[in-house]
Amino acid sequence: MNNVFYLLLRRLRVPFITMIVVYSISVLGFVLIPGQDDQGNVWQMDFFHAVYFVSFMGTTIGFGEIPYAFTDAQRMWTLLMIYATVVSWLYGIGSMLALLQEPVFGRLLRRRSFTREVTGIAEPFYLVCDYGVTGRVVVHKLADRDIRSVVIDMKQDRIDDLEMDNLPLRVPGLCADASLPDVLNDAGLQNPHCIGVLALTDDDNSNLAVSIASKLLMPERMVISRTEAEVTTANLLSFGTDLVVDPFKAYAGYLSMAISASYKHLVYDWLVNPYHRPLSSVYQLKKGRWIICGFGRFGRALYHAFKADDVYITIVDAKEQNINQTEQQIWGIGTEAKTLEEAGIHEAIGIVAGTDNDADNLSIIMTARGMKSKLVTVIRQNLDANRLVFQHSGADFVMEPGRIIANQIMAQIKTPLLPVFIEALKDYDDVWAHTLLNRMSSVVNEDELDSWAFTLSEHDTPAIWMALEEGVVIQMKVFLKDPHDRSHMLPAFPLMLRRGEEIKMLPGELKELKCGDEILFCGLSKAFTQVEWTVNNYNVLQYVLTGKDANTTLLSRWFNKDL
């Protein structure tokens, strides 16, 4: 606020001084020029009457000559001062309007309003740095779960988009550089209600600056950052960044799992990606030779992931710095039939169009399909503006870096147990994953699979905590019963139980629970809202356990015939 006043006073200093001088001279003239009263005697106007007359004269209101009719000398002075005061007013008003139209003054006012709004937030919120593809998906997903967020972005058009988006919750936005600590502070970094910072810009240095500032100012605060370089990833992890997401490595692992373990890949897809692929997609043949067009960050990540699974690979690239980087490499872009012929397109079972040019990627897929129709196709989408074209490209997999990052971040935000489950999933075979998929499919069909977790604690599940403290036996099935009708089961089931260091996958409904247990569930999102009644309301819990309401009063006990 001090900056606003400073700029205001500095820019209006000359107009203020001009008005003060003009008004002072005008008042002094009326005091010094002799007048005449109604008896014809000489009368001197005092300062009070002079200030009063000049005030309404300067604003051109014109109440008349007071307290007596003016002499010719007074009227001549009035005539001169009318023009002087009007000109000074016009000069002052013009300077004020010019200041209000200046971009810097508007930015200061918006920042002050933004800071005041963020300071007034009295509920948990996430600080999201960047409102690009990733930021927008994350903010919308958070709002759908009734979680507030605050946005910083360098581009004003993105902040304008935020204002225009039809979000169920108000999301304050500021156009500023998120890498500056004072901007982060104004955006609520040190606000006690801020529960996490998401560094999602497409510049690794900015993300690094945001993460460092967050960990230095608020060491216990959760920080999630995106990155596109291994050096930055190591740097972020070195000072305790909670989650670092590399979209190219993440998608490489995702695609590699689709080739080597189709059912486990689909389990991962259903849990992390809201727009998951159908169960029938796992029957496509994906093992064999693959052609990777483009050996940049994405191509390198895919190459290393595929090599770990013993997949035969041919690289197609036309950049000099990428020559002779792999065993089998073809010079070219991949948009020409001759290059694909040389790469062995007719013997391949899949092709990856992974260059940094969207037009080239689309051309590669179209050329490859024209040469071999039965081909698994993976295409990299670089610009979100091309999303409509890529949706109609017919590719089996579309790699969108922004949405990959958003999905992984939301998986971490929804519950830290989900990454633990996904890691534990690697120890099970595809048959086990196929059985799990069938169970998931029977619960949600083609709808979006959601996941959530509870920790049996006084803060997270107060009703269950109270029952356990009283010695009541609580089984897993308590979380699966409809609190409105206990004879009906909710569309959900437990994925994992963690008790200390012990992890139990797919625990049974009769599993007895203890204080401190952490349980991961999956199912339809509406089931989560129902379970919240059970874990937070003791009366609802008693109904789920016994079919009767809790007997907390004499009247309720009498109706239940427990006296």
Protein backbone atom coordinates (compact mmCIF):
# COMPACT_ATOMS: atom_id res chain seq x y z
CA MET A 1 0.00 0.00 0.00
CA ASN A 2 2.96 2.32 0.65
CA ASN A 3 3.97 1.97 -3.02
CA VAL A 4 0.50 3.06 -4.13
CA PHE A 5 0.57 6.20 -1.95
CA TYR A 6 4.14 6.96 -2.96
CA LEU A 7 3.32 6.81 -6.68
CA LEU A 8 0.11 8.79 -6.14
CA LEU A 9 1.83 11.61 -4.26
CA ARG A 10 4.84 11.68 -6.59
CA ARG A 11 2.80 11.95 -9.79
CA LEU A 12 0.28 14.46 -8.35
CA ARG A 13 2.81 16.58 -6.51
CA VAL A 14 2.86 19.44 -9.05
CA PRO A 15 -0.97 19.57 -9.50
CA PHE A 16 -1.42 19.61 -5.69
CA ILE A 17 1.12 22.41 -5.26
CA THR A 18 -0.48 24.35 -8.15
CA MET A 19 -3.93 24.16 -6.55
CA ILE A 20 -2.58 25.11 -3.12
CA VAL A 21 -0.79 28.16 -4.54
CA VAL A 22 -3.80 29.29 -6.62
CA TYR A 23 -6.22 28.90 -3.70
CA SER A 24 -3.82 30.63 -1.30
CA ILE A 25 -3.39 33.66 -3.58
CA SER A 26 -7.13 33.80 -4.20
CA VAL A 27 -7.95 33.75 -0.47
CA LEU A 28 -5.26 36.33 0.30
CA GLY A 29 -6.59 38.68 -2.38
CA PHE A 30 -10.13 38.60 -0.96
CA VAL A 31 -8.77 39.30 2.53
CA LEU A 32 -6.67 42.27 1.39
CA ILE A 33 -9.06 43.94 -1.09
CA PRO A 34 -11.45 46.24 0.84
CA GLY A 35 -15.17 45.77 0.44
CA GLN A 36 -18.30 47.68 1.46
CA ASP A 37 -21.12 46.70 3.83
CA ASP A 38 -24.81 47.48 3.40
CA GLN A 39 -24.33 50.85 5.21
CA GLY A 40 -21.62 52.01 2.83
CA ASN A 41 -18.83 51.49 5.34
CA VAL A 42 -15.46 49.95 4.43
CA TRP A 43 -15.46 46.22 5.29
CA GLN A 44 -12.62 43.73 5.21
CA MET A 45 -13.44 40.07 4.47
CA ASP A 46 -11.96 37.70 7.08
CA PHE A 47 -10.18 34.44 6.25
CA PHE A 48 -13.23 32.28 7.03
CA HIS A 49 -15.47 34.09 4.55
CA ALA A 50 -12.65 34.22 2.00
CA VAL A 51 -12.04 30.45 2.18
CA TYR A 52 -15.78 29.81 2.04
CA PHE A 53 -16.30 31.98 -1.03
CA VAL A 54 -13.21 30.68 -2.89
CA SER A 55 -14.26 27.08 -2.19
CA PHE A 56 -17.62 27.31 -3.93
CA MET A 57 -16.30 29.75 -6.55
CA GLY A 58 -13.50 27.34 -7.51
CA THR A 59 -15.98 24.53 -8.04
CA THR A 60 -18.19 26.86 -10.17
CA ILE A 61 -21.19 26.31 -7.91
CA GLY A 62 -21.80 30.06 -7.57
CA PHE A 63 -23.85 30.83 -4.44
CA GLY A 64 -23.44 34.57 -4.94
CA GLU A 65 -21.54 37.43 -3.32
CA ILE A 66 -21.33 37.08 0.48
CA PRO A 67 -21.90 38.51 2.98
CA TYR A 68 -22.34 41.82 1.12
CA ALA A 69 -22.37 42.84 -2.54
CA PHE A 70 -18.86 43.09 -3.94
CA THR A 71 -17.10 46.21 -5.07
CA ASP A 72 -15.70 46.51 -8.59
CA ALA A 73 -12.23 45.61 -7.30
CA GLN A 74 -13.55 42.47 -5.60
CA ARG A 75 -15.47 41.49 -8.73
CA MET A 76 -12.38 41.97 -10.90
CA TRP A 77 -10.38 39.75 -8.52
CA THR A 78 -13.23 37.17 -8.55
CA LEU A 79 -13.19 37.14 -12.35
CA LEU A 80 -9.47 36.47 -12.43
CA MET A 81 -9.62 33.79 -9.73
CA ILE A 82 -12.50 31.93 -11.41
CA TYR A 83 -10.31 31.20 -14.43
CA ALA A 84 -7.27 30.41 -12.27
CA THR A 85 -9.07 27.92 -10.00
CA VAL A 86 -10.94 26.23 -12.88
CA VAL A 87 -7.69 25.78 -14.80
CA SER A 88 -5.95 24.36 -11.71
CA TRP A 89 -8.86 21.93 -11.19
CA LEU A 90 -8.72 20.80 -14.80
CA TYR A 91 -4.97 20.33 -14.51
CA GLY A 92 -5.36 18.27 -11.31
CA ILE A 93 -8.22 16.13 -12.64
CA GLY A 94 -6.37 15.51 -15.90
CA SER A 95 -3.25 14.43 -14.05
CA MET A 96 -5.34 12.10 -11.86
CA LEU A 97 -7.02 10.48 -14.88
CA ALA A 98 -3.67 10.06 -16.62
CA LEU A 99 -2.27 8.35 -13.53
CA LEU A 100 -5.24 5.99 -13.25
CA GLN A 101 -4.73 4.95 -16.86
CA GLU A 102 -1.05 4.13 -16.40
CA PRO A 103 -0.39 0.33 -16.40
CA VAL A 104 2.01 0.50 -13.44
CA PHE A 105 -0.58 2.16 -11.20
CA GLY A 106 -3.22 -0.37 -12.25
CA ARG A 107 -0.83 -3.22 -11.46
CA LEU A 108 -0.13 -1.79 -8.01
CA LEU A 109 -3.85 -1.49 -7.26
CA ARG A 110 -4.55 -5.02 -8.49
CA ARG A 111 -1.68 -6.42 -6.46
CA ARG A 112 -2.88 -4.63 -3.34
CA SER A 113 -6.41 -5.97 -3.87
CA PHE A 114 -5.02 -9.47 -4.54
CA THR A 115 -2.89 -9.42 -1.37
CA ARG A 116 -5.83 -8.28 0.73
CA GLU A 117 -8.04 -11.04 -0.69
CA VAL A 118 -5.42 -13.75 -0.09
CA THR A 119 -4.84 -12.53 3.47
CA GLY A 120 -8.56 -12.92 4.10
CA ILE A 121 -8.68 -16.60 3.05
CA ALA A 122 -9.46 -18.59 6.19
CA GLU A 123 -9.50 -22.12 4.74
CA PRO A 124 -6.85 -24.44 3.27
CA PHE A 125 -5.58 -23.48 -0.18
CA TYR A 126 -2.81 -24.34 -2.66
CA LEU A 127 -0.52 -21.74 -4.22
CA VAL A 128 -0.36 -22.55 -7.96
CA CYS A 129 2.46 -20.91 -9.92
CA ASP A 130 1.41 -20.82 -13.61
CA TYR A 131 -2.03 -21.16 -15.16
CA GLY A 132 -1.08 -22.99 -18.34
CA VAL A 133 -2.43 -26.40 -19.31
CA THR A 134 -1.18 -28.07 -16.12
CA GLY A 135 -2.20 -25.27 -13.78
CA ARG A 136 -5.67 -24.98 -15.24
CA VAL A 137 -6.36 -28.72 -14.92
CA VAL A 138 -5.09 -28.76 -11.32
CA VAL A 139 -7.08 -25.66 -10.29
CA HIS A 140 -10.29 -27.05 -11.82
CA LYS A 141 -9.77 -30.43 -10.16
CA LEU A 142 -9.11 -28.78 -6.80
CA ALA A 143 -12.22 -26.64 -7.14
CA ASP A 144 -14.30 -29.74 -7.95
CA ARG A 145 -13.11 -31.18 -4.62
CA ASP A 146 -14.00 -27.90 -2.79
CA ILE A 147 -10.32 -27.04 -2.28
CA ARG A 148 -9.35 -23.42 -2.80
CA SER A 149 -6.29 -22.21 -4.71
CA VAL A 150 -4.39 -19.01 -5.48
CA VAL A 151 -2.79 -18.48 -8.92
CA ILE A 152 0.29 -16.54 -10.09
CA ASP A 153 1.15 -16.28 -13.79
CA MET A 154 3.43 -14.09 -15.89
CA LYS A 155 0.84 -13.69 -18.67
CA GLN A 156 -2.13 -11.38 -18.13
CA ASP A 157 -4.27 -13.24 -20.70
CA ARG A 158 -4.07 -16.38 -18.55
CA ILE A 159 -5.20 -14.42 -15.49
CA ASP A 160 -8.05 -13.10 -17.63
CA ASP A 161 -8.92 -16.69 -18.56
CA LEU A 162 -8.95 -17.56 -14.86
CA GLU A 163 -11.46 -14.77 -14.21
CA MET A 164 -13.65 -16.02 -17.07
CA ASP A 165 -13.52 -19.71 -16.13
CA ASN A 166 -16.71 -20.99 -14.56
CA LEU A 167 -15.21 -22.30 -11.32
CA PRO A 168 -17.38 -23.27 -8.33
CA LEU A 169 -14.95 -21.46 -5.99
CA ARG A 170 -13.41 -18.00 -6.16
CA VAL A 171 -9.72 -18.23 -7.21
CA PRO A 172 -7.64 -15.06 -6.78
CA GLY A 173 -5.10 -14.49 -9.57
CA LEU A 174 -2.11 -12.17 -9.99
CA CYS A 175 -0.03 -11.38 -13.08
CA ALA A 176 3.53 -11.42 -11.71
CA ASP A 177 6.80 -13.36 -11.69
CA ALA A 178 6.36 -16.26 -9.28
CA SER A 179 10.12 -16.69 -8.90
CA LEU A 180 10.30 -13.47 -6.83
CA PRO A 181 10.01 -14.10 -3.06
CA ASP A 182 7.95 -10.95 -2.40
CA VAL A 183 5.39 -12.09 -4.98
CA LEU A 184 5.17 -15.51 -3.33
CA ASN A 185 4.75 -13.82 0.04
CA ASP A 186 1.90 -11.62 -1.25
CA ALA A 187 0.30 -14.75 -2.73
CA GLY A 188 0.10 -16.37 0.71
CA LEU A 189 3.27 -18.45 0.97
CA GLN A 190 3.52 -17.69 4.69
CA ASN A 191 -0.23 -17.73 5.23
CA PRO A 192 -0.95 -20.47 7.83
CA HIS A 193 -3.80 -21.75 5.64
CA CYS A 194 -1.53 -22.42 2.64
CA ILE A 195 -1.04 -26.20 2.52
CA GLY A 196 1.13 -26.55 -0.57
CA VAL A 197 3.04 -24.79 -3.37
CA LEU A 198 2.88 -26.05 -6.96
CA ALA A 199 5.69 -24.79 -9.24
CA LEU A 200 4.27 -25.54 -12.70
CA THR A 201 5.92 -23.06 -15.06
CA ASP A 202 7.63 -24.27 -18.24
CA ASP A 203 10.93 -22.74 -17.08
CA ASP A 204 13.09 -24.96 -14.85
CA ASN A 205 14.92 -21.99 -13.32
CA SER A 206 11.65 -20.38 -12.23
CA ASN A 207 10.42 -23.63 -10.73
CA LEU A 208 13.72 -24.02 -8.92
CA ALA A 209 13.49 -20.48 -7.51
CA VAL A 210 9.90 -21.05 -6.33
CA SER A 211 10.81 -24.34 -4.66
CA ILE A 212 13.89 -22.94 -2.91
CA ALA A 213 12.01 -19.88 -1.62
CA SER A 214 9.17 -22.09 -0.37
CA LYS A 215 11.47 -24.50 1.48
CA LEU A 216 13.53 -21.67 3.01
CA LEU A 217 10.57 -19.59 4.18
CA MET A 218 8.26 -22.48 5.12
CA PRO A 219 10.32 -25.70 5.43
CA GLU A 220 7.35 -27.89 6.44
CA ARG A 221 5.16 -26.81 3.53
CA MET A 222 4.57 -29.31 0.73
CA VAL A 223 6.26 -28.31 -2.54
CA ILE A 224 5.56 -29.98 -5.90
CA SER A 225 7.52 -28.97 -8.99
CA ARG A 226 7.64 -29.90 -12.65
CA THR A 227 10.97 -30.23 -14.43
CA GLU A 228 12.30 -31.12 -17.86
CA ALA A 229 15.99 -31.70 -17.11
CA GLU A 230 17.76 -34.30 -15.00
CA VAL A 231 20.09 -31.68 -13.50
CA THR A 232 17.10 -29.67 -12.24
CA THR A 233 15.44 -32.82 -10.92
CA ALA A 234 18.53 -33.68 -8.84
CA ASN A 235 18.74 -30.10 -7.60
CA LEU A 236 15.07 -30.02 -6.56
CA LEU A 237 15.33 -33.32 -4.71
CA SER A 238 18.52 -32.24 -2.92
CA PHE A 239 16.72 -29.77 -0.66
CA GLY A 240 13.59 -31.80 0.03
CA THR A 241 11.07 -31.02 -2.71
CA ASP A 242 8.16 -33.36 -1.96
CA LEU A 243 7.39 -34.35 -5.56
CA VAL A 244 9.27 -33.67 -8.79
CA VAL A 245 7.45 -34.55 -12.02
CA ASP A 246 9.32 -34.97 -15.29
CA PRO A 247 6.58 -35.39 -17.96
CA PHE A 248 8.88 -37.13 -20.41
CA LYS A 249 10.16 -39.69 -17.91
CA ALA A 250 6.67 -40.17 -16.50
CA TYR A 251 5.16 -40.87 -19.90
CA ALA A 252 8.07 -43.07 -20.92
CA GLY A 253 7.47 -45.23 -17.87
CA TYR A 254 3.72 -45.17 -18.57
CA LEU A 255 4.19 -46.36 -22.17
CA SER A 256 6.83 -48.91 -21.23
CA MET A 257 4.42 -50.42 -18.70
CA ALA A 258 1.75 -50.61 -21.43
CA ILE A 259 4.11 -52.78 -23.47
CA SER A 260 5.54 -55.02 -20.75
CA ALA A 261 2.58 -55.30 -18.34
CA SER A 262 -0.67 -54.29 -20.00
CA TYR A 263 -3.01 -54.95 -17.07
CA LYS A 264 -0.81 -53.24 -14.47
CA HIS A 265 -0.54 -50.33 -16.87
CA LEU A 266 -4.31 -50.08 -17.07
CA VAL A 267 -4.65 -50.21 -13.27
CA TYR A 268 -2.25 -47.26 -13.12
CA ASP A 269 -4.16 -45.51 -15.90
CA TRP A 270 -7.51 -45.90 -14.14
CA LEU A 271 -6.16 -44.60 -10.84
CA VAL A 272 -4.18 -41.63 -12.18
CA ASN A 273 -5.82 -40.62 -15.46
CA PRO A 274 -9.46 -39.49 -15.20
CA TYR A 275 -9.94 -40.16 -18.93
CA HIS A 276 -8.74 -43.75 -18.67
CA ARG A 277 -8.77 -46.15 -21.58
CA PRO A 278 -11.28 -49.04 -21.73
CA LEU A 279 -10.47 -52.54 -20.54
CA SER A 280 -10.51 -53.87 -24.13
CA SER A 281 -7.46 -51.77 -25.08
CA VAL A 282 -5.04 -54.14 -23.32
CA TYR A 283 -5.51 -56.82 -25.98
CA GLN A 284 -3.58 -54.84 -28.60
CA LEU A 285 -0.25 -56.38 -29.62
CA LYS A 286 2.50 -54.05 -28.39
CA LYS A 287 5.59 -56.29 -28.13
CA GLY A 288 8.03 -56.19 -31.03
CA ARG A 289 10.08 -53.53 -32.88
CA TRP A 290 9.27 -49.89 -32.24
CA ILE A 291 10.31 -46.84 -34.27
CA ILE A 292 10.96 -43.64 -32.32
CA CYS A 293 10.98 -40.48 -34.46
CA GLY A 294 12.81 -37.71 -32.63
CA PHE A 295 15.64 -38.21 -30.15
CA GLY A 296 15.12 -35.19 -27.94
CA ARG A 297 14.12 -35.28 -24.25
CA PHE A 298 11.02 -37.37 -24.95
CA GLY A 299 12.77 -39.73 -27.36
CA ARG A 300 15.69 -40.30 -24.98
CA ALA A 301 13.38 -41.03 -22.05
CA LEU A 302 11.43 -43.54 -24.17
CA TYR A 303 14.62 -45.13 -25.47
CA HIS A 304 15.98 -45.81 -21.97
CA ALA A 305 12.60 -47.07 -20.69
CA PHE A 306 12.14 -49.40 -23.67
CA LYS A 307 15.70 -50.73 -23.43
CA ALA A 308 15.09 -51.67 -19.79
CA ASP A 309 12.24 -53.89 -21.01
CA ASP A 310 14.29 -55.40 -23.88
CA VAL A 311 12.21 -53.77 -26.61
CA TYR A 312 13.76 -53.60 -30.10
CA ILE A 313 14.12 -49.93 -31.10
CA THR A 314 14.97 -47.96 -34.23
CA ILE A 315 15.66 -44.25 -33.85
CA VAL A 316 14.84 -41.72 -36.59
CA ASP A 317 16.35 -38.25 -36.15
CA ALA A 318 17.76 -35.45 -38.33
CA LYS A 319 19.67 -33.35 -35.79
CA GLU A 320 23.45 -33.41 -35.98
CA GLN A 321 23.95 -33.53 -32.21
CA ASN A 322 21.96 -36.79 -32.08
CA ILE A 323 24.01 -38.70 -34.69
CA ASN A 324 25.35 -42.11 -33.59
CA GLN A 325 23.76 -41.85 -30.15
CA THR A 326 22.18 -45.34 -30.39
CA GLU A 327 22.90 -48.69 -32.02
CA GLN A 328 20.28 -48.49 -34.76
CA GLN A 329 19.60 -45.00 -36.06
CA ILE A 330 18.21 -43.66 -39.34
CA TRP A 331 18.92 -40.15 -40.62
CA GLY A 332 15.69 -38.22 -41.29
CA ILE A 333 12.55 -36.75 -39.73
CA GLY A 334 10.14 -39.61 -40.37
CA THR A 335 7.63 -37.68 -42.46
CA GLU A 336 8.93 -39.28 -45.66
CA ALA A 337 7.95 -42.81 -46.72
CA LYS A 338 11.54 -43.53 -47.77
CA THR A 339 12.84 -42.86 -44.25
CA LEU A 340 10.18 -45.09 -42.66
CA GLU A 341 10.93 -47.84 -45.18
CA GLU A 342 14.57 -47.68 -44.19
CA ALA A 343 13.59 -47.83 -40.51
CA GLY A 344 11.64 -51.05 -41.14
CA ILE A 345 8.07 -49.82 -40.85
CA HIS A 346 6.61 -53.04 -42.27
CA GLU A 347 8.25 -55.16 -39.55
CA ALA A 348 7.43 -52.73 -36.71
CA ILE A 349 4.40 -53.04 -34.45
CA GLY A 350 4.51 -49.46 -33.12
CA ILE A 351 5.76 -45.99 -33.94
CA VAL A 352 6.32 -42.93 -31.75
CA ALA A 353 6.08 -39.45 -33.29
CA GLY A 354 8.03 -37.62 -30.60
CA THR A 355 9.55 -34.52 -32.21
CA ASP A 356 9.04 -30.99 -30.84
CA ASN A 357 6.98 -30.01 -33.92
CA ASP A 358 3.26 -30.87 -33.90
CA ALA A 359 2.87 -30.68 -37.67
CA ASP A 360 5.76 -33.12 -38.18
CA ASN A 361 4.31 -35.50 -35.59
CA LEU A 362 0.92 -35.56 -37.29
CA SER A 363 2.59 -36.08 -40.68
CA ILE A 364 4.66 -38.99 -39.32
CA ILE A 365 1.55 -40.78 -38.01
CA MET A 366 -0.40 -40.24 -41.24
CA THR A 367 2.51 -41.43 -43.40
CA ALA A 368 3.13 -44.49 -41.21
CA ARG A 369 -0.53 -45.51 -41.22
CA GLY A 370 -0.66 -45.14 -44.98
CA MET A 371 2.19 -47.63 -45.22
CA LYS A 372 0.94 -50.03 -42.53
CA SER A 373 -2.59 -49.80 -41.18
CA LYS A 374 -2.17 -52.15 -38.20
CA LEU A 375 0.28 -50.10 -36.22
CA VAL A 376 0.25 -48.91 -32.61
CA THR A 377 0.75 -45.14 -32.78
CA VAL A 378 2.02 -42.76 -30.10
CA ILE A 379 2.07 -39.03 -30.80
CA ARG A 380 3.51 -36.15 -28.82
CA GLN A 381 1.39 -32.99 -28.55
CA ASN A 382 3.46 -29.89 -27.84
CA LEU A 383 0.87 -27.09 -28.03
CA ASP A 384 -2.48 -27.22 -26.25
CA ALA A 385 -4.00 -25.13 -29.06
CA ASN A 386 -3.66 -28.19 -31.33
CA ARG A 387 -5.63 -30.43 -28.98
CA LEU A 388 -8.68 -30.71 -31.26
CA VAL A 389 -6.55 -31.91 -34.18
CA PHE A 390 -4.74 -34.47 -32.04
CA GLN A 391 -8.03 -35.79 -30.66
CA HIS A 392 -9.06 -36.62 -34.22
CA SER A 393 -5.67 -37.97 -35.26
CA GLY A 394 -6.68 -41.53 -34.45
CA ALA A 395 -3.48 -42.15 -32.47
CA ASP A 396 -3.63 -44.85 -29.81
CA PHE A 397 -1.70 -42.73 -27.30
CA VAL A 398 -1.45 -38.93 -27.20
CA MET A 399 1.35 -37.61 -25.01
CA GLU A 400 0.28 -34.26 -23.46
CA PRO A 401 2.98 -33.11 -21.00
CA GLY A 402 0.69 -30.68 -19.18
CA ARG A 403 -2.01 -33.22 -18.43
CA ILE A 404 0.47 -35.91 -17.42
CA ILE A 405 1.92 -33.57 -14.80
CA ALA A 406 -1.56 -32.55 -13.65
CA ASN A 407 -2.64 -36.17 -13.20
CA GLN A 408 0.43 -37.04 -11.13
CA ILE A 409 0.04 -33.95 -8.98
CA MET A 410 -3.63 -34.67 -8.31
CA ALA A 411 -2.74 -38.25 -7.39
CA GLN A 412 -0.30 -36.87 -4.79
CA ILE A 413 -2.76 -34.27 -3.50
CA LYS A 414 -5.70 -36.65 -3.23
CA THR A 415 -3.70 -39.02 -1.06
CA PRO A 416 0.03 -39.70 -0.57
CA LEU A 417 -0.95 -43.38 -0.27
CA LEU A 418 -1.70 -43.62 -3.99
CA PRO A 419 1.97 -43.37 -5.10
CA VAL A 420 2.79 -45.96 -2.42
CA PHE A 421 0.19 -48.33 -3.90
CA ILE A 422 1.47 -47.78 -7.44
CA GLU A 423 5.01 -48.55 -6.32
CA ALA A 424 3.84 -51.70 -4.52
CA LEU A 425 1.91 -52.70 -7.66
CA LYS A 426 5.22 -53.41 -9.42
CA ASP A 427 5.75 -56.47 -7.21
CA TYR A 428 2.60 -58.20 -8.52
CA ASP A 429 2.09 -59.97 -11.82
CA ASP A 430 -0.30 -59.13 -14.63
CA VAL A 431 -2.77 -61.87 -13.60
CA TRP A 432 -3.25 -60.22 -10.21
CA ALA A 433 -3.68 -56.85 -11.95
CA HIS A 434 -6.25 -58.36 -14.33
CA THR A 435 -8.34 -59.55 -11.38
CA LEU A 436 -8.12 -56.10 -9.81
CA LEU A 437 -9.20 -54.48 -13.08
CA ASN A 438 -12.28 -56.69 -13.29
CA ARG A 439 -13.22 -55.64 -9.76
CA MET A 440 -12.71 -51.96 -10.60
CA SER A 441 -14.76 -52.32 -13.76
CA SER A 442 -17.65 -53.95 -11.88
CA VAL A 443 -17.73 -51.01 -9.46
CA VAL A 444 -17.45 -48.01 -11.79
CA ASN A 445 -18.18 -49.41 -15.28
CA GLU A 446 -17.15 -46.65 -17.72
CA ASP A 447 -17.30 -43.81 -15.16
CA GLU A 448 -14.27 -42.05 -13.70
CA LEU A 449 -12.52 -44.03 -10.98
CA ASP A 450 -11.71 -41.87 -7.95
CA SER A 451 -9.45 -42.66 -5.00
CA TRP A 452 -9.20 -41.38 -1.44
CA ALA A 453 -7.62 -42.32 1.86
CA PHE A 454 -8.34 -42.12 5.59
CA THR A 455 -6.00 -42.21 8.55
CA LEU A 456 -7.69 -43.51 11.69
CA SER A 457 -6.91 -40.52 13.87
CA GLU A 458 -8.73 -38.04 16.05
CA HIS A 459 -8.40 -35.36 13.39
CA ASP A 460 -9.18 -37.35 10.23
CA THR A 461 -11.83 -39.81 11.48
CA PRO A 462 -13.08 -38.51 14.87
CA ALA A 463 -16.12 -40.81 15.10
CA ILE A 464 -14.14 -44.00 14.42
CA TRP A 465 -11.33 -42.84 16.69
CA MET A 466 -13.83 -42.38 19.54
CA ALA A 467 -15.32 -45.84 18.95
CA LEU A 468 -11.88 -47.49 18.90
CA GLU A 469 -10.93 -45.70 22.12
CA GLU A 470 -14.11 -47.11 23.70
CA GLY A 471 -13.10 -50.64 22.69
CA VAL A 472 -15.58 -51.05 19.84
CA VAL A 473 -14.44 -53.49 17.13
CA ILE A 474 -14.29 -51.67 13.79
CA GLN A 475 -14.00 -53.72 10.62
CA MET A 476 -13.17 -52.58 7.09
CA LYS A 477 -16.79 -53.02 5.98
CA VAL A 478 -17.81 -49.99 8.08
CA PHE A 479 -16.30 -47.79 5.33
CA LEU A 480 -18.31 -49.54 2.62
CA LYS A 481 -21.85 -49.31 4.03
CA ASP A 482 -24.28 -46.64 2.91
CA PRO A 483 -24.92 -44.31 5.88
CA HIS A 484 -28.50 -43.78 4.66
CA ASP A 485 -29.26 -47.49 4.35
CA ARG A 486 -26.73 -49.85 5.94
CA SER A 487 -28.07 -52.80 3.96
CA HIS A 488 -26.65 -51.25 0.78
CA MET A 489 -22.95 -51.22 -0.07
CA LEU A 490 -21.25 -48.17 -1.52
CA PRO A 491 -19.59 -48.35 -4.98
CA ALA A 492 -16.05 -48.60 -3.56
CA PHE A 493 -13.56 -51.06 -2.08
CA PRO A 494 -10.21 -50.87 -0.22
CA LEU A 495 -7.01 -51.00 -2.25
CA MET A 496 -4.41 -50.97 0.49
CA LEU A 497 -3.98 -50.92 4.28
CA ARG A 498 -0.78 -49.52 5.78
CA ARG A 499 -0.08 -50.21 9.45
CA GLY A 500 3.31 -48.83 10.36
CA GLU A 501 5.78 -50.37 7.91
CA GLU A 502 3.41 -53.21 6.98
CA ILE A 503 1.42 -52.92 3.73
CA LYS A 504 -1.58 -55.12 2.96
CA MET A 505 -2.89 -55.04 -0.61
CA LEU A 506 -6.64 -55.48 -1.15
CA PRO A 507 -7.55 -56.08 2.52
CA GLY A 508 -10.79 -57.96 3.20
CA GLU A 509 -14.02 -56.43 4.49
CA LEU A 510 -13.70 -58.27 7.83
CA LYS A 511 -10.23 -56.89 8.54
CA GLU A 512 -10.18 -55.39 12.05
CA LEU A 513 -8.75 -51.88 12.21
CA LYS A 514 -6.60 -50.08 14.75
CA CYS A 515 -5.82 -46.47 15.58
CA GLY A 516 -3.19 -45.08 13.21
CA ASP A 517 -4.12 -47.35 10.28
CA GLU A 518 -4.01 -45.74 6.83
CA ILE A 519 -6.48 -47.06 4.26
CA LEU A 520 -6.60 -46.34 0.52
CA PHE A 521 -9.97 -46.74 -1.25
CA CYS A 522 -11.13 -46.51 -4.85
CA GLY A 523 -14.57 -46.21 -6.38
CA LEU A 524 -17.03 -43.57 -7.50
CA SER A 525 -16.50 -40.11 -6.04
CA LYS A 526 -20.03 -40.06 -4.61
CA ALA A 527 -19.03 -42.91 -2.29
CA PHE A 528 -16.36 -40.70 -0.72
CA THR A 529 -18.91 -38.03 0.25
CA GLN A 530 -21.07 -40.72 1.86
CA VAL A 531 -18.20 -42.25 3.84
CA GLU A 532 -17.33 -38.82 5.25
CA TRP A 533 -20.64 -38.91 7.16
CA THR A 534 -19.69 -42.19 8.78
CA VAL A 535 -16.17 -41.26 9.85
CA ASN A 536 -17.08 -37.81 11.21
CA ASN A 537 -20.49 -38.29 12.85
CA TYR A 538 -20.72 -40.63 15.84
CA ASN A 539 -24.49 -41.09 15.50
CA VAL A 540 -24.14 -42.11 11.85
CA LEU A 541 -21.34 -44.53 12.79
CA GLN A 542 -23.57 -46.14 15.43
CA TYR A 543 -26.32 -46.59 12.85
CA VAL A 544 -23.87 -48.22 10.40
CA LEU A 545 -22.59 -50.55 13.16
CA THR A 546 -25.85 -51.50 14.88
CA GLY A 547 -28.74 -50.24 12.77
CA LYS A 548 -29.76 -47.90 15.62
CA ASP A 549 -28.98 -44.31 16.39
CA ALA A 550 -26.61 -43.53 19.25
CA ASN A 551 -28.44 -43.35 22.60
CA THR A 552 -27.11 -40.02 23.71
CA THR A 553 -30.31 -38.81 25.41
CA LEU A 554 -32.94 -40.38 27.68
CA LEU A 555 -35.61 -39.76 25.05
CA SER A 556 -33.69 -41.54 22.29
CA ARG A 557 -32.90 -44.43 24.63
CA TRP A 558 -36.60 -44.72 25.55
CA PHE A 559 -37.60 -44.87 21.87
CA ASN A 560 -34.98 -47.57 21.29
CA LYS A 561 -36.24 -49.45 24.40
CA ASP A 562 -32.80 -49.54 25.96
CA LEU A 563 -33.88 -48.37 29.45
